[in-house]
Amino acid sequence: MPTTFEQAAASAREILAELRAVDWKGIVDGVNQALAGVNRLVRNPQLEAAIAELPGTIAAARRLATDLDTRTGPLAASAQATADEARRGIESLRATLGDVRTLVAPEAPLAVELTRTVNDLGQAARALRDLAQYLERNPNAVVFGRADGSP
């Protein structure tokens, strides 16, 4: 049975064997490449310019937000006023249509008078037609007048 020291030595040999198997050069190369990439990124002039412009960009965004806040209030009020005006216009149109319905209803005074006028025009047209027929039959009536007893 191995002693504690021998067990520790065997464990140390296994650890050393595993450490020797590790590709230290590959790890170091990978770390170096990563650091070089970070270094290139940090030293990139575009990144430096973007960082330098960041306060101005933030200030512009704040001004834009403030401007939007000041403009949306009046815009909302204007939209509400337009909606109110449209509502009043629709109500006025409804009232006007009601008045028109009243005017053109069959029992309305205008409709009654129009009916009478059309009837009177019809009677006048019949009278003119009768006169024209009479004058065709009696052309002398224009000169001598109507003979007694004539229709």
Protein backbone atom coordinates (compact mmCIF):
# COMPACT_ATOMS: atom_id res chain seq x y z
CA MET A 1 0.00 0.00 0.00
CA PRO A 2 1.50 3.37 -1.01
CA THR A 3 2.23 5.93 1.62
CA THR A 4 0.70 9.33 1.76
CA PHE A 5 3.84 10.86 0.39
CA GLU A 6 3.87 8.44 -2.53
CA GLN A 7 0.19 9.20 -3.22
CA ALA A 8 0.92 12.92 -3.17
CA ALA A 9 3.90 12.44 -5.48
CA ALA A 10 1.79 10.36 -7.89
CA SER A 11 -0.93 13.05 -7.89
CA ALA A 12 1.72 15.72 -8.48
CA ARG A 13 3.12 13.70 -11.42
CA GLU A 14 -0.36 13.38 -12.94
CA ILE A 15 -0.98 17.10 -12.55
CA LEU A 16 2.40 17.89 -14.11
CA ALA A 17 1.66 15.51 -16.97
CA GLU A 18 -1.66 17.21 -17.58
CA LEU A 19 -0.01 20.65 -17.38
CA ARG A 20 2.60 19.52 -19.93
CA ALA A 21 -0.19 18.37 -22.24
CA VAL A 22 -1.78 21.81 -22.22
CA ASP A 23 -1.00 23.91 -25.32
CA TRP A 24 0.41 26.87 -23.43
CA LYS A 25 1.74 28.46 -26.58
CA GLY A 26 -1.75 28.32 -28.19
CA ILE A 27 -3.32 29.83 -25.09
CA VAL A 28 -0.74 32.60 -24.94
CA ASP A 29 -1.14 33.25 -28.68
CA GLY A 30 -4.96 33.42 -28.26
CA VAL A 31 -4.68 35.79 -25.33
CA ASN A 32 -2.20 37.94 -27.27
CA GLN A 33 -4.53 38.03 -30.28
CA ALA A 34 -7.48 38.98 -28.09
CA LEU A 35 -5.49 41.73 -26.42
CA ALA A 36 -4.30 42.98 -29.81
CA GLY A 37 -7.95 43.09 -31.00
CA VAL A 38 -9.01 44.99 -27.89
CA ASN A 39 -6.05 47.32 -28.37
CA ARG A 40 -7.02 47.96 -32.04
CA LEU A 41 -10.62 48.60 -31.00
CA VAL A 42 -9.69 50.98 -28.20
CA ARG A 43 -7.24 52.88 -30.42
CA ASN A 44 -9.64 53.06 -33.38
CA PRO A 45 -10.07 56.70 -34.39
CA GLN A 46 -13.73 56.12 -35.21
CA LEU A 47 -14.39 54.87 -31.67
CA GLU A 48 -12.56 57.87 -30.26
CA ALA A 49 -14.60 60.20 -32.50
CA ALA A 50 -17.86 58.48 -31.52
CA ILE A 51 -17.01 58.82 -27.83
CA ALA A 52 -16.06 62.46 -28.36
CA GLU A 53 -19.40 63.13 -30.12
CA LEU A 54 -21.46 61.30 -27.50
CA PRO A 55 -22.15 64.35 -25.27
CA GLY A 56 -23.31 66.36 -28.29
CA THR A 57 -25.50 63.49 -29.46
CA ILE A 58 -27.06 63.16 -26.02
CA ALA A 59 -27.66 66.93 -25.87
CA ALA A 60 -29.29 66.85 -29.33
CA ALA A 61 -31.51 63.97 -28.25
CA ARG A 62 -32.56 65.93 -25.17
CA ARG A 63 -33.35 69.01 -27.29
CA LEU A 64 -35.38 66.85 -29.66
CA ALA A 65 -37.33 65.31 -26.79
CA THR A 66 -38.01 68.77 -25.33
CA ASP A 67 -39.06 70.09 -28.74
CA LEU A 68 -41.41 67.15 -29.22
CA ASP A 69 -42.89 67.73 -25.78
CA THR A 70 -43.56 71.39 -26.55
CA ARG A 71 -45.09 70.62 -29.96
CA THR A 72 -47.28 67.66 -29.11
CA GLY A 73 -49.39 69.65 -26.65
CA PRO A 74 -50.52 72.28 -29.18
CA LEU A 75 -50.87 69.61 -31.86
CA ALA A 76 -53.18 67.59 -29.65
CA ALA A 77 -55.19 70.72 -28.83
CA SER A 78 -55.45 71.55 -32.54
CA ALA A 79 -56.59 68.02 -33.35
CA GLN A 80 -59.22 68.25 -30.60
CA ALA A 81 -60.40 71.63 -31.90
CA THR A 82 -60.66 70.19 -35.43
CA ALA A 83 -62.66 67.24 -34.15
CA ASP A 84 -64.98 69.59 -32.23
CA GLU A 85 -65.48 71.76 -35.33
CA ALA A 86 -66.23 68.68 -37.43
CA ARG A 87 -68.77 67.55 -34.84
CA ARG A 88 -70.47 70.97 -34.92
CA GLY A 89 -70.48 70.87 -38.72
CA ILE A 90 -72.15 67.46 -38.74
CA GLU A 91 -74.77 68.65 -36.25
CA SER A 92 -75.48 71.70 -38.45
CA LEU A 93 -75.76 69.47 -41.50
CA ARG A 94 -78.24 67.23 -39.67
CA ALA A 95 -80.34 70.26 -38.74
CA THR A 96 -80.26 71.50 -42.35
CA LEU A 97 -81.31 68.10 -43.66
CA GLY A 98 -84.17 68.10 -41.17
CA ASP A 99 -85.29 71.50 -42.48
CA VAL A 100 -85.08 70.24 -46.08
CA ARG A 101 -87.17 67.19 -45.18
CA THR A 102 -89.76 69.49 -43.63
CA LEU A 103 -89.84 71.67 -46.78
CA VAL A 104 -90.26 68.77 -49.20
CA ALA A 105 -92.67 66.68 -47.15
CA PRO A 106 -95.91 65.98 -49.05
CA GLU A 107 -98.01 68.00 -46.56
CA ALA A 108 -95.53 70.90 -46.40
CA PRO A 109 -96.75 74.33 -47.62
CA LEU A 110 -94.14 74.39 -50.37
CA ALA A 111 -95.21 71.00 -51.72
CA VAL A 112 -98.89 71.99 -51.54
CA GLU A 113 -98.24 75.24 -53.42
CA LEU A 114 -96.11 73.46 -56.01
CA THR A 115 -98.90 70.96 -56.58
CA ARG A 116 -101.41 73.78 -57.04
CA THR A 117 -99.06 75.60 -59.43
CA VAL A 118 -98.54 72.46 -61.50
CA ASN A 119 -102.31 71.93 -61.65
CA ASP A 120 -102.83 75.55 -62.69
CA LEU A 121 -100.15 75.21 -65.38
CA GLY A 122 -101.87 72.07 -66.64
CA GLN A 123 -105.20 73.92 -66.86
CA ALA A 124 -103.52 76.84 -68.67
CA ALA A 125 -101.91 74.41 -71.14
CA ARG A 126 -105.29 72.79 -71.81
CA ALA A 127 -106.85 76.21 -72.36
CA LEU A 128 -104.10 77.16 -74.81
CA ARG A 129 -104.52 73.87 -76.62
CA ASP A 130 -108.28 74.43 -76.85
CA LEU A 131 -107.67 77.97 -78.17
CA ALA A 132 -105.19 76.70 -80.77
CA GLN A 133 -107.65 74.07 -81.93
CA TYR A 134 -110.45 76.65 -82.14
CA LEU A 135 -108.26 79.02 -84.14
CA GLU A 136 -107.35 76.20 -86.53
CA ARG A 137 -111.01 75.51 -87.12
CA ASN A 138 -111.95 79.22 -87.22
CA PRO A 139 -109.01 81.28 -88.46
CA ASN A 140 -111.28 84.30 -89.02
CA ALA A 141 -111.89 84.47 -85.27
CA VAL A 142 -108.64 86.38 -84.90
CA VAL A 143 -109.98 89.16 -87.11
CA PHE A 144 -113.76 89.02 -86.44
CA GLY A 145 -113.76 87.54 -82.95
CA ARG A 146 -115.71 84.64 -81.72
CA ALA A 147 -119.02 83.92 -83.29
CA ASP A 148 -121.95 83.71 -80.91
CA GLY A 149 -122.86 80.19 -80.04
CA SER A 150 -119.37 78.87 -80.77
CA PRO A 151 -117.68 76.73 -78.19
